[in-house]
C-alpha atoms as a PDB file:
ATOM      1  CA  UNK A   1      23.508  33.508  43.897  1.00  0.00           C
ATOM      2  CA  UNK A   2      23.866  34.988  47.135  1.00  0.00           C
ATOM      3  CA  UNK A   3      24.768  32.952  50.267  1.00  0.00           C
ATOM      4  CA  UNK A   4      21.326  33.167  51.665  1.00  0.00           C
ATOM      5  CA  UNK A   5      19.784  32.096  48.498  1.00  0.00           C
ATOM      6  CA  UNK A   6      22.348  29.217  48.103  1.00  0.00           C
ATOM      7  CA  UNK A   7      21.858  27.583  51.778  1.00  0.00           C
ATOM      8  CA  UNK A   8      17.587  28.032  50.730  1.00  0.00           C
ATOM      9  CA  UNK A   9      18.544  26.231  47.411  1.00  0.00           C
ATOM     10  CA  UNK A  10      20.333  23.841  49.349  1.00  0.00           C
ATOM     11  CA  UNK A  11      17.722  22.895  52.008  1.00  0.00           C
ATOM     12  CA  UNK A  12      14.731  22.693  49.169  1.00  0.00           C
ATOM     13  CA  UNK A  13      17.468  20.620  47.236  1.00  0.00           C
ATOM     14  CA  UNK A  14      18.074  18.200  50.429  1.00  0.00           C
ATOM     15  CA  UNK A  15      13.969  17.996  51.227  1.00  0.00           C
ATOM     16  CA  UNK A  16      13.659  17.239  47.581  1.00  0.00           C
ATOM     17  CA  UNK A  17      15.948  14.511  47.762  1.00  0.00           C
ATOM     18  CA  UNK A  18      14.685  12.775  51.282  1.00  0.00           C
ATOM     19  CA  UNK A  19      10.916  13.192  49.704  1.00  0.00           C
ATOM     20  CA  UNK A  20      11.660  11.818  46.508  1.00  0.00           C
ATOM     21  CA  UNK A  21      13.839   9.047  47.890  1.00  0.00           C
ATOM     22  CA  UNK A  22      11.167   8.161  50.086  1.00  0.00           C
ATOM     23  CA  UNK A  23       8.619   7.868  47.312  1.00  0.00           C
ATOM     24  CA  UNK A  24      10.594   5.784  45.419  1.00  0.00           C
ATOM     25  CA  UNK A  25      11.019   2.963  47.995  1.00  0.00           C
ATOM     26  CA  UNK A  26       7.289   3.171  48.721  1.00  0.00           C
ATOM     27  CA  UNK A  27       6.551   2.328  44.941  1.00  0.00           C
ATOM     28  CA  UNK A  28       9.156  -0.448  44.965  1.00  0.00           C
ATOM     29  CA  UNK A  29       7.413  -1.700  48.064  1.00  0.00           C
ATOM     30  CA  UNK A  30       3.993  -1.599  46.090  1.00  0.00           C
ATOM     31  CA  UNK A  31       5.649  -3.314  42.928  1.00  0.00           C
ATOM     32  CA  UNK A  32       7.016  -6.270  45.048  1.00  0.00           C
ATOM     33  CA  UNK A  33       3.678  -6.789  46.457  1.00  0.00           C
ATOM     34  CA  UNK A  34       2.010  -7.023  42.902  1.00  0.00           C
ATOM     35  CA  UNK A  35       4.193  -9.952  42.425  1.00  0.00           C
ATOM     36  CA  UNK A  36       3.259 -12.318  45.050  1.00  0.00           C
ATOM     37  CA  UNK A  37       3.386 -15.592  42.864  1.00  0.00           C
ATOM     38  CA  UNK A  38       6.820 -15.552  41.950  1.00  0.00           C
ATOM     39  CA  UNK A  39       9.113 -18.088  44.374  1.00  0.00           C
ATOM     40  CA  UNK A  40      12.074 -15.514  44.308  1.00  0.00           C
ATOM     41  CA  UNK A  41      10.053 -12.469  45.453  1.00  0.00           C
ATOM     42  CA  UNK A  42      11.368 -12.906  49.059  1.00  0.00           C
ATOM     43  CA  UNK A  43      14.773 -12.739  47.704  1.00  0.00           C
ATOM     44  CA  UNK A  44      14.013  -9.637  45.053  1.00  0.00           C
ATOM     45  CA  UNK A  45      12.609  -7.422  48.182  1.00  0.00           C
ATOM     46  CA  UNK A  46      15.677  -8.081  50.434  1.00  0.00           C
ATOM     47  CA  UNK A  47      17.812  -6.974  47.452  1.00  0.00           C
ATOM     48  CA  UNK A  48      15.896  -4.145  46.404  1.00  0.00           C
ATOM     49  CA  UNK A  49      14.637  -2.630  49.807  1.00  0.00           C
ATOM     50  CA  UNK A  50      17.543  -2.471  51.462  1.00  0.00           C
ATOM     51  CA  UNK A  51      19.439   0.649  52.148  1.00  0.00           C
ATOM     52  CA  UNK A  52      19.958   2.656  48.660  1.00  0.00           C
ATOM     53  CA  UNK A  53      20.683   5.867  47.374  1.00  0.00           C
ATOM     54  CA  UNK A  54      18.303   5.748  44.429  1.00  0.00           C
ATOM     55  CA  UNK A  55      20.620   8.014  42.597  1.00  0.00           C
ATOM     56  CA  UNK A  56      19.537   6.703  38.709  1.00  0.00           C
ATOM     57  CA  UNK A  57      15.803   6.726  39.747  1.00  0.00           C
ATOM     58  CA  UNK A  58      16.104  10.248  41.120  1.00  0.00           C
ATOM     59  CA  UNK A  59      18.196  11.247  37.963  1.00  0.00           C
ATOM     60  CA  UNK A  60      15.166   9.959  35.612  1.00  0.00           C
ATOM     61  CA  UNK A  61      12.830  11.881  37.701  1.00  0.00           C
ATOM     62  CA  UNK A  62      14.886  15.273  37.828  1.00  0.00           C
ATOM     63  CA  UNK A  63      15.697  14.595  34.175  1.00  0.00           C
ATOM     64  CA  UNK A  64      11.805  14.612  33.129  1.00  0.00           C
ATOM     65  CA  UNK A  65      10.933  17.523  35.695  1.00  0.00           C
ATOM     66  CA  UNK A  66      13.688  19.539  34.050  1.00  0.00           C
ATOM     67  CA  UNK A  67      12.040  19.691  30.571  1.00  0.00           C
ATOM     68  CA  UNK A  68       8.696  20.206  31.977  1.00  0.00           C
ATOM     69  CA  UNK A  69       7.719  16.633  32.508  1.00  0.00           C
ATOM     70  CA  UNK A  70       5.705  14.946  35.161  1.00  0.00           C
ATOM     71  CA  UNK A  71       7.050  13.004  37.724  1.00  0.00           C
ATOM     72  CA  UNK A  72       4.446  10.309  38.324  1.00  0.00           C
ATOM     73  CA  UNK A  73       4.177   9.776  34.881  1.00  0.00           C
ATOM     74  CA  UNK A  74       7.516   8.766  34.903  1.00  0.00           C
ATOM     75  CA  UNK A  75       8.138   6.967  37.973  1.00  0.00           C
ATOM     76  CA  UNK A  76       7.631   3.195  36.326  1.00  0.00           C
ATOM     77  CA  UNK A  77      10.492   4.087  34.419  1.00  0.00           C
ATOM     78  CA  UNK A  78      12.307   5.402  37.413  1.00  0.00           C
ATOM     79  CA  UNK A  79      11.946   2.128  39.075  1.00  0.00           C
ATOM     80  CA  UNK A  80      12.966   0.077  36.035  1.00  0.00           C
ATOM     81  CA  UNK A  81      16.647   1.950  36.719  1.00  0.00           C
ATOM     82  CA  UNK A  82      16.376   0.739  40.290  1.00  0.00           C
ATOM     83  CA  UNK A  83      15.705  -2.330  39.138  1.00  0.00           C
ATOM     84  CA  UNK A  84      18.387  -3.162  36.586  1.00  0.00           C
ATOM     85  CA  UNK A  85      20.976  -1.203  38.840  1.00  0.00           C
ATOM     86  CA  UNK A  86      20.309  -3.635  41.809  1.00  0.00           C
ATOM     87  CA  UNK A  87      20.455  -6.426  39.212  1.00  0.00           C
ATOM     88  CA  UNK A  88      23.974  -5.442  38.567  1.00  0.00           C
ATOM     89  CA  UNK A  89      25.083  -5.064  42.506  1.00  0.00           C
ATOM     90  CA  UNK A  90      23.587  -8.326  43.004  1.00  0.00           C
ATOM     91  CA  UNK A  91      25.813 -10.009  40.277  1.00  0.00           C
ATOM     92  CA  UNK A  92      28.776  -8.011  40.839  1.00  0.00           C
ATOM     93  CA  UNK A  93      28.535  -9.687  44.382  1.00  0.00           C
ATOM     94  CA  UNK A  94      29.042 -12.878  42.843  1.00  0.00           C
ATOM     95  CA  UNK A  95      32.002 -11.663  40.436  1.00  0.00           C
ATOM     96  CA  UNK A  96      33.709 -10.292  43.222  1.00  0.00           C
ATOM     97  CA  UNK A  97      32.699 -12.590  46.017  1.00  0.00           C
ATOM     98  CA  UNK A  98      31.808  -9.849  48.407  1.00  0.00           C
ATOM     99  CA  UNK A  99      29.859 -11.055  51.621  1.00  0.00           C
ATOM    100  CA  UNK A 100      28.342  -7.475  52.501  1.00  0.00           C
ATOM    101  CA  UNK A 101      26.093  -5.301  50.523  1.00  0.00           C
ATOM    102  CA  UNK A 102      24.796  -2.263  52.372  1.00  0.00           C
ATOM    103  CA  UNK A 103      26.073  -3.698  55.618  1.00  0.00           C
ATOM    104  CA  UNK A 104      23.907  -6.952  55.141  1.00  0.00           C
ATOM    105  CA  UNK A 105      24.979 -10.129  53.948  1.00  0.00           C
ATOM    106  CA  UNK A 106      25.026 -10.168  50.208  1.00  0.00           C
ATOM    107  CA  UNK A 107      22.444 -12.196  48.845  1.00  0.00           C
ATOM    108  CA  UNK A 108      24.390 -14.825  47.668  1.00  0.00           C
ATOM    109  CA  UNK A 109      26.118 -15.301  50.803  1.00  0.00           C
ATOM    110  CA  UNK A 110      22.484 -15.716  52.395  1.00  0.00           C
ATOM    111  CA  UNK A 111      20.935 -17.978  49.689  1.00  0.00           C
ATOM    112  CA  UNK A 112      23.834 -19.099  47.355  1.00  0.00           C
ATOM    113  CA  UNK A 113      25.093 -18.194  44.084  1.00  0.00           C
ATOM    114  CA  UNK A 114      22.368 -19.674  41.892  1.00  0.00           C
ATOM    115  CA  UNK A 115      19.783 -17.719  43.706  1.00  0.00           C
ATOM    116  CA  UNK A 116      21.580 -14.711  43.167  1.00  0.00           C
ATOM    117  CA  UNK A 117      22.210 -15.330  39.470  1.00  0.00           C
ATOM    118  CA  UNK A 118      18.484 -15.841  38.925  1.00  0.00           C
ATOM    119  CA  UNK A 119      17.330 -12.797  41.301  1.00  0.00           C
ATOM    120  CA  UNK A 120      19.444 -10.347  39.387  1.00  0.00           C
ATOM    121  CA  UNK A 121      17.816 -11.890  35.969  1.00  0.00           C
ATOM    122  CA  UNK A 122      14.436 -11.807  37.404  1.00  0.00           C
ATOM    123  CA  UNK A 123      14.746  -8.109  38.400  1.00  0.00           C
ATOM    124  CA  UNK A 124      16.306  -7.205  34.958  1.00  0.00           C
ATOM    125  CA  UNK A 125      13.287  -8.639  33.299  1.00  0.00           C
ATOM    126  CA  UNK A 126      10.714  -6.570  35.937  1.00  0.00           C
ATOM    127  CA  UNK A 127      13.011  -3.169  34.670  1.00  0.00           C
ATOM    128  CA  UNK A 128      12.326  -4.086  31.383  1.00  0.00           C
ATOM    129  CA  UNK A 129       8.835  -4.992  31.551  1.00  0.00           C
ATOM    130  CA  UNK A 130       8.177  -1.353  32.891  1.00  0.00           C
ATOM    131  CA  UNK A 131      10.629   0.660  30.472  1.00  0.00           C
ATOM    132  CA  UNK A 132       8.627  -1.378  27.802  1.00  0.00           C
ATOM    133  CA  UNK A 133       5.445   1.238  28.594  1.00  0.00           C
ATOM    134  CA  UNK A 134       7.831   4.152  27.435  1.00  0.00           C
ATOM    135  CA  UNK A 135       8.469   3.122  23.963  1.00  0.00           C
ATOM    136  CA  UNK A 136      10.726   1.789  21.231  1.00  0.00           C
ATOM    137  CA  UNK A 137      13.252   4.121  21.472  1.00  0.00           C
ATOM    138  CA  UNK A 138      13.793   4.306  25.194  1.00  0.00           C
ATOM    139  CA  UNK A 139      13.801   0.366  24.953  1.00  0.00           C
ATOM    140  CA  UNK A 140      16.561   0.473  22.614  1.00  0.00           C
ATOM    141  CA  UNK A 141      18.631   3.349  24.856  1.00  0.00           C
ATOM    142  CA  UNK A 142      18.559   0.758  28.015  1.00  0.00           C
ATOM    143  CA  UNK A 143      19.536  -2.121  25.697  1.00  0.00           C
ATOM    144  CA  UNK A 144      22.529  -0.179  24.514  1.00  0.00           C
ATOM    145  CA  UNK A 145      23.485   0.896  27.787  1.00  0.00           C
ATOM    146  CA  UNK A 146      22.957  -2.578  29.134  1.00  0.00           C
ATOM    147  CA  UNK A 147      25.451  -3.985  26.744  1.00  0.00           C
ATOM    148  CA  UNK A 148      27.950  -1.417  27.273  1.00  0.00           C
ATOM    149  CA  UNK A 149      27.588  -2.036  31.388  1.00  0.00           C
ATOM    150  CA  UNK A 150      28.375  -5.686  30.907  1.00  0.00           C
ATOM    151  CA  UNK A 151      31.252  -4.901  28.549  1.00  0.00           C
ATOM    152  CA  UNK A 152      32.829  -2.229  30.880  1.00  0.00           C
ATOM    153  CA  UNK A 153      32.486  -5.403  33.659  1.00  0.00           C
ATOM    154  CA  UNK A 154      34.548  -7.344  31.609  1.00  0.00           C
ATOM    155  CA  UNK A 155      37.051  -4.892  31.009  1.00  0.00           C
ATOM    156  CA  UNK A 156      37.068  -4.221  34.908  1.00  0.00           C
ATOM    157  CA  UNK A 157      37.595  -7.874  35.588  1.00  0.00           C
ATOM    158  CA  UNK A 158      40.554  -8.511  32.991  1.00  0.00           C
ATOM    159  CA  UNK A 159      42.308  -5.395  32.755  1.00  0.00           C
ATOM    160  CA  UNK A 160      46.127  -5.571  34.850  1.00  0.00           C
ATOM    161  CA  UNK A 161      47.822  -2.618  36.281  1.00  0.00           C
ATOM    162  CA  UNK A 162      50.715  -2.842  33.733  1.00  0.00           C
ATOM    163  CA  UNK A 163      48.253  -2.662  30.718  1.00  0.00           C
ATOM    164  CA  UNK A 164      45.771  -0.557  31.636  1.00  0.00           C
ATOM    165  CA  UNK A 165      46.189   3.484  30.844  1.00  0.00           C
ATOM    166  CA  UNK A 166      44.186   6.176  32.064  1.00  0.00           C
ATOM    167  CA  UNK A 167      42.387   6.285  28.619  1.00  0.00           C
ATOM    168  CA  UNK A 168      41.242   2.409  29.040  1.00  0.00           C
ATOM    169  CA  UNK A 169      40.134   3.127  32.709  1.00  0.00           C
ATOM    170  CA  UNK A 170      37.682   6.081  31.599  1.00  0.00           C
ATOM    171  CA  UNK A 171      36.514   4.015  28.870  1.00  0.00           C
ATOM    172  CA  UNK A 172      35.679   1.114  31.189  1.00  0.00           C
ATOM    173  CA  UNK A 173      34.601   3.708  33.654  1.00  0.00           C
ATOM    174  CA  UNK A 174      31.892   5.322  30.964  1.00  0.00           C
ATOM    175  CA  UNK A 175      30.822   1.690  29.597  1.00  0.00           C
ATOM    176  CA  UNK A 176      30.317  -0.034  33.197  1.00  0.00           C
ATOM    177  CA  UNK A 177      29.354   3.147  35.789  1.00  0.00           C
ATOM    178  CA  UNK A 178      28.238   5.964  33.742  1.00  0.00           C
ATOM    179  CA  UNK A 179      26.221   4.271  31.337  1.00  0.00           C
ATOM    180  CA  UNK A 180      23.080   3.911  33.066  1.00  0.00           C
ATOM    181  CA  UNK A 181      23.668   7.436  34.786  1.00  0.00           C
ATOM    182  CA  UNK A 182      23.643   8.592  31.126  1.00  0.00           C
ATOM    183  CA  UNK A 183      20.765   6.489  29.682  1.00  0.00           C
ATOM    184  CA  UNK A 184      18.772   7.434  32.950  1.00  0.00           C
ATOM    185  CA  UNK A 185      19.184  11.143  32.283  1.00  0.00           C
ATOM    186  CA  UNK A 186      18.569  10.425  28.842  1.00  0.00           C
ATOM    187  CA  UNK A 187      15.546   8.476  28.950  1.00  0.00           C
ATOM    188  CA  UNK A 188      14.331  10.823  31.475  1.00  0.00           C
ATOM    189  CA  UNK A 189      14.169  13.582  29.159  1.00  0.00           C
ATOM    190  CA  UNK A 190      12.410  11.734  26.242  1.00  0.00           C
ATOM    191  CA  UNK A 191       9.816  10.513  28.654  1.00  0.00           C
ATOM    192  CA  UNK A 192       9.328  14.312  29.591  1.00  0.00           C
ATOM    193  CA  UNK A 193       8.941  15.091  26.300  1.00  0.00           C
ATOM    194  CA  UNK A 194      12.047  17.345  25.879  1.00  0.00           C
ATOM    195  CA  UNK A 195      13.671  18.362  22.835  1.00  0.00           C
ATOM    196  CA  UNK A 196      16.551  16.649  21.132  1.00  0.00           C
ATOM    197  CA  UNK A 197      18.901  19.667  22.252  1.00  0.00           C
ATOM    198  CA  UNK A 198      17.541  19.002  26.066  1.00  0.00           C
ATOM    199  CA  UNK A 199      17.566  15.182  25.789  1.00  0.00           C
ATOM    200  CA  UNK A 200      21.407  15.645  24.412  1.00  0.00           C
ATOM    201  CA  UNK A 201      22.552  18.064  27.351  1.00  0.00           C
ATOM    202  CA  UNK A 202      20.923  15.533  30.240  1.00  0.00           C
ATOM    203  CA  UNK A 203      22.355  12.486  28.133  1.00  0.00           C
ATOM    204  CA  UNK A 204      25.540  14.296  28.394  1.00  0.00           C
ATOM    205  CA  UNK A 205      25.375  15.510  31.779  1.00  0.00           C
ATOM    206  CA  UNK A 206      24.327  12.014  33.323  1.00  0.00           C
ATOM    207  CA  UNK A 207      27.673  10.644  31.862  1.00  0.00           C
ATOM    208  CA  UNK A 208      29.616  13.226  33.379  1.00  0.00           C
ATOM    209  CA  UNK A 209      27.872  12.762  36.663  1.00  0.00           C
ATOM    210  CA  UNK A 210      28.563   8.859  36.737  1.00  0.00           C
ATOM    211  CA  UNK A 211      32.036   9.329  35.895  1.00  0.00           C
ATOM    212  CA  UNK A 212      32.908  11.665  38.619  1.00  0.00           C
ATOM    213  CA  UNK A 213      30.758   9.348  40.808  1.00  0.00           C
ATOM    214  CA  UNK A 214      32.863   6.433  40.048  1.00  0.00           C
ATOM    215  CA  UNK A 215      36.163   8.733  40.590  1.00  0.00           C
ATOM    216  CA  UNK A 216      34.772   9.605  43.895  1.00  0.00           C
ATOM    217  CA  UNK A 217      33.908   6.055  44.805  1.00  0.00           C
ATOM    218  CA  UNK A 218      37.067   4.937  43.969  1.00  0.00           C
ATOM    219  CA  UNK A 219      38.952   7.586  46.283  1.00  0.00           C
ATOM    220  CA  UNK A 220      36.190   6.730  49.066  1.00  0.00           C
ATOM    221  CA  UNK A 221      37.461   2.561  48.533  1.00  0.00           C
ATOM    222  CA  UNK A 222      40.847   3.770  48.867  1.00  0.00           C
ATOM    223  CA  UNK A 223      41.271   6.111  51.848  1.00  0.00           C
ATOM    224  CA  UNK A 224      39.728   3.684  54.179  1.00  0.00           C
ATOM    225  CA  UNK A 225      42.348   3.191  56.574  1.00  0.00           C
ATOM    226  CA  UNK A 226      42.246   0.437  59.139  1.00  0.00           C
ATOM    227  CA  UNK A 227      42.624  -3.195  59.391  1.00  0.00           C
ATOM    228  CA  UNK A 228      40.330  -3.926  56.608  1.00  0.00           C
ATOM    229  CA  UNK A 229      41.956  -4.468  53.177  1.00  0.00           C
ATOM    230  CA  UNK A 230      40.027  -1.903  50.783  1.00  0.00           C
ATOM    231  CA  UNK A 231      37.544  -3.737  48.320  1.00  0.00           C
ATOM    232  CA  UNK A 232      39.435  -2.435  45.188  1.00  0.00           C
ATOM    233  CA  UNK A 233      42.585  -3.803  46.263  1.00  0.00           C
ATOM    234  CA  UNK A 234      41.473  -6.900  47.416  1.00  0.00           C
ATOM    235  CA  UNK A 235      39.524  -7.871  44.321  1.00  0.00           C
ATOM    236  CA  UNK A 236      42.577  -6.696  42.002  1.00  0.00           C
ATOM    237  CA  UNK A 237      40.403  -3.663  40.613  1.00  0.00           C
ATOM    238  CA  UNK A 238      42.642  -1.019  39.377  1.00  0.00           C
ATOM    239  CA  UNK A 239      41.682   2.535  39.962  1.00  0.00           C
ATOM    240  CA  UNK A 240      42.591   6.031  38.495  1.00  0.00           C
ATOM    241  CA  UNK A 241      44.933   6.829  41.608  1.00  0.00           C
ATOM    242  CA  UNK A 242      46.326   3.455  41.317  1.00  0.00           C
ATOM    243  CA  UNK A 243      47.194   4.167  37.283  1.00  0.00           C
ATOM    244  CA  UNK A 244      48.614   7.704  38.556  1.00  0.00           C
ATOM    245  CA  UNK A 245      50.825   6.094  40.996  1.00  0.00           C
ATOM    246  CA  UNK A 246      52.002   3.674  38.502  1.00  0.00           C
ATOM    247  CA  UNK A 247      52.859   6.229  35.528  1.00  0.00           C
ATOM    248  CA  UNK A 248      54.927   8.673  38.290  1.00  0.00           C
ATOM    249  CA  UNK A 249      56.854   5.805  39.579  1.00  0.00           C
ATOM    250  CA  UNK A 250      60.112   4.370  38.462  1.00  0.00           C
ATOM    251  CA  UNK A 251      61.278   1.104  37.637  1.00  0.00           C
ATOM    252  CA  UNK A 252      61.789  -0.317  41.215  1.00  0.00           C
ATOM    253  CA  UNK A 253      58.590   1.275  42.952  1.00  0.00           C
ATOM    254  CA  UNK A 254      56.733  -0.233  39.976  1.00  0.00           C
ATOM    255  CA  UNK A 255      57.825  -3.377  40.969  1.00  0.00           C
ATOM    256  CA  UNK A 256      57.073  -3.318  44.406  1.00  0.00           C
ATOM    257  CA  UNK A 257      53.602  -1.651  43.801  1.00  0.00           C
ATOM    258  CA  UNK A 258      52.897  -4.623  41.684  1.00  0.00           C
ATOM    259  CA  UNK A 259      54.308  -7.064  44.175  1.00  0.00           C
ATOM    260  CA  UNK A 260      52.128  -5.550  46.724  1.00  0.00           C
ATOM    261  CA  UNK A 261      49.074  -5.616  44.680  1.00  0.00           C
ATOM    262  CA  UNK A 262      49.394  -9.328  43.659  1.00  0.00           C
ATOM    263  CA  UNK A 263      49.781 -10.062  47.626  1.00  0.00           C
ATOM    264  CA  UNK A 264      46.363  -8.177  48.607  1.00  0.00           C
ATOM    265  CA  UNK A 265      44.544  -9.932  45.406  1.00  0.00           C
ATOM    266  CA  UNK A 266      45.592 -13.122  46.441  1.00  0.00           C
ATOM    267  CA  UNK A 267      43.932 -12.903  49.814  1.00  0.00           C
ATOM    268  CA  UNK A 268      47.437 -13.272  51.826  1.00  0.00           C
ATOM    269  CA  UNK A 269      46.904 -12.209  55.456  1.00  0.00           C
ATOM    270  CA  UNK A 270      50.445 -11.692  56.054  1.00  0.00           C
ATOM    271  CA  UNK A 271      51.556  -8.187  56.211  1.00  0.00           C
ATOM    272  CA  UNK A 272      48.464  -7.372  54.609  1.00  0.00           C
ATOM    273  CA  UNK A 273      48.023  -3.913  56.814  1.00  0.00           C
ATOM    274  CA  UNK A 274      51.370  -2.889  56.314  1.00  0.00           C
ATOM    275  CA  UNK A 275      51.209  -3.467  52.448  1.00  0.00           C
ATOM    276  CA  UNK A 276      48.050  -1.390  52.444  1.00  0.00           C
ATOM    277  CA  UNK A 277      49.545   1.330  54.674  1.00  0.00           C
ATOM    278  CA  UNK A 278      52.617   1.314  52.018  1.00  0.00           C
ATOM    279  CA  UNK A 279      50.571   1.588  49.162  1.00  0.00           C
ATOM    280  CA  UNK A 280      48.385   4.755  50.614  1.00  0.00           C
ATOM    281  CA  UNK A 281      51.515   6.525  51.860  1.00  0.00           C
ATOM    282  CA  UNK A 282      52.493   6.246  48.478  1.00  0.00           C
ATOM    283  CA  UNK A 283      49.302   7.286  46.883  1.00  0.00           C
ATOM    284  CA  UNK A 284      49.824  10.321  48.698  1.00  0.00           C
ATOM    285  CA  UNK A 285      53.363  11.285  48.443  1.00  0.00           C
ATOM    286  CA  UNK A 286      52.915  11.032  44.356  1.00  0.00           C
ATOM    287  CA  UNK A 287      49.688  13.433  44.740  1.00  0.00           C
ATOM    288  CA  UNK A 288      47.757  10.459  43.574  1.00  0.00           C
ATOM    289  CA  UNK A 289      44.696  11.346  45.452  1.00  0.00           C
ATOM    290  CA  UNK A 290      45.034  15.021  44.491  1.00  0.00           C
ATOM    291  CA  UNK A 291      44.871  13.937  40.704  1.00  0.00           C
ATOM    292  CA  UNK A 292      42.206  12.243  41.129  1.00  0.00           C
ATOM    293  CA  UNK A 293      39.982  14.964  42.985  1.00  0.00           C
ATOM    294  CA  UNK A 294      41.052  17.199  40.357  1.00  0.00           C
ATOM    295  CA  UNK A 295      39.627  15.200  37.297  1.00  0.00           C
ATOM    296  CA  UNK A 296      36.150  14.577  39.638  1.00  0.00           C
ATOM    297  CA  UNK A 297      36.052  18.697  39.544  1.00  0.00           C
ATOM    298  CA  UNK A 298      36.872  18.598  35.738  1.00  0.00           C
ATOM    299  CA  UNK A 299      34.050  16.348  35.310  1.00  0.00           C
ATOM    300  CA  UNK A 300      31.386  18.079  37.519  1.00  0.00           C
ATOM    301  CA  UNK A 301      32.411  21.101  35.507  1.00  0.00           C
ATOM    302  CA  UNK A 302      31.575  19.740  32.267  1.00  0.00           C
ATOM    303  CA  UNK A 303      28.138  18.431  33.495  1.00  0.00           C
ATOM    304  CA  UNK A 304      27.410  21.616  34.680  1.00  0.00           C
ATOM    305  CA  UNK A 305      28.334  23.083  31.075  1.00  0.00           C
ATOM    306  CA  UNK A 306      26.120  20.614  29.161  1.00  0.00           C
ATOM    307  CA  UNK A 307      23.100  21.468  31.203  1.00  0.00           C
ATOM    308  CA  UNK A 308      23.497  25.263  30.881  1.00  0.00           C
ATOM    309  CA  UNK A 309      21.142  25.164  27.797  1.00  0.00           C
ATOM    310  CA  UNK A 310      17.891  24.060  30.017  1.00  0.00           C
ATOM    311  CA  UNK A 311      15.400  26.443  31.258  1.00  0.00           C
ATOM    312  CA  UNK A 312      16.783  27.813  34.487  1.00  0.00           C
ATOM    313  CA  UNK A 313      13.808  26.101  36.758  1.00  0.00           C
ATOM    314  CA  UNK A 314      14.477  25.008  40.260  1.00  0.00           C
ATOM    315  CA  UNK A 315      15.089  21.265  38.960  1.00  0.00           C
ATOM    316  CA  UNK A 316      17.856  22.591  37.231  1.00  0.00           C
ATOM    317  CA  UNK A 317      19.439  23.986  40.068  1.00  0.00           C
ATOM    318  CA  UNK A 318      18.731  20.421  41.834  1.00  0.00           C
ATOM    319  CA  UNK A 319      20.860  18.831  38.984  1.00  0.00           C
ATOM    320  CA  UNK A 320      23.744  21.462  39.805  1.00  0.00           C
ATOM    321  CA  UNK A 321      23.279  20.175  43.533  1.00  0.00           C
ATOM    322  CA  UNK A 322      23.728  16.584  42.749  1.00  0.00           C
ATOM    323  CA  UNK A 323      27.041  17.234  41.335  1.00  0.00           C
ATOM    324  CA  UNK A 324      28.188  19.375  44.482  1.00  0.00           C
ATOM    325  CA  UNK A 325      27.311  16.280  46.869  1.00  0.00           C
ATOM    326  CA  UNK A 326      29.981  14.519  44.767  1.00  0.00           C
ATOM    327  CA  UNK A 327      32.554  17.602  46.175  1.00  0.00           C
ATOM    328  CA  UNK A 328      31.324  17.824  49.531  1.00  0.00           C
ATOM    329  CA  UNK A 329      29.837  13.921  50.109  1.00  0.00           C
ATOM    330  CA  UNK A 330      29.717  14.654  53.805  1.00  0.00           C
ATOM    331  CA  UNK A 331      27.217  17.531  53.180  1.00  0.00           C
ATOM    332  CA  UNK A 332      24.499  14.581  52.527  1.00  0.00           C
ATOM    333  CA  UNK A 333      23.640  10.934  53.276  1.00  0.00           C
ATOM    334  CA  UNK A 334      23.966  10.333  49.524  1.00  0.00           C
ATOM    335  CA  UNK A 335      27.679   8.325  50.442  1.00  0.00           C
ATOM    336  CA  UNK A 336      26.403   6.289  53.029  1.00  0.00           C
ATOM    337  CA  UNK A 337      25.857   3.135  51.251  1.00  0.00           C
ATOM    338  CA  UNK A 338      26.245   1.459  47.780  1.00  0.00           C
END
């Protein structure tokens, strides 16, 4: 593709992304307006209509359109995936004791843990209700990946640096982070009338996109420098850069790293800034960031290879553009908020 054609394609995708996101937000508002009798409605509205990337519903719609399906017909399924995703964020904030979500007070911080748990459950119910109209096969896929997500979340909170391997980390990532990406692409293809091959290709693409997205998120979190301790270090979450650093370090370096991570996870305010700087310096020195960047590129390339059998359409190009935003997140608004 010529440079001019690439610019046109990129501009078209940015317009498509903005327009589709606005449409999703409008449809979410309409959905909330139809549940005025729910006492939890204001809390659901707060969680659902705060700033969000809407990646998963966009992936549902793009997957549908890439196999010849209609955007409007699949919109309820796209909304279902946003409801399910937002429910996991509300519950995650309770588990991680996060006070902020997308720059605003987390729901549990504003209204309490009980309300947050119930709001998450209510959004799951609403999502399941929307997805049910698309048939048993899609419902079983949603259920399967929902269970995997829960299993991945448990792995994420229970594995320590000394016992986790890169293989275990990737398995956790596939379950916790990539599961809904994979399900969104797979269900979107099925709802759009895609063939068995098209559906398989898009499911694999979604999984690779989800893994690459989580790896990028891990990097962005650790790369934040300043007076704040990065979330993953504060909550004791073990990510790929830390696994790589631990693997290439000698015994004494590993002991120092493990001690530093315990200090940060225990919330000890003494010397936190120096500890973060020391870990960041070690990550750069060991080329752990570069190793993670290489893995991101590998998964993006796998994703692009997976959709190569699809018919050449503008929507296939847009799927490819989604992966490019992971390589150069500054080129779009897609990474502004979680």
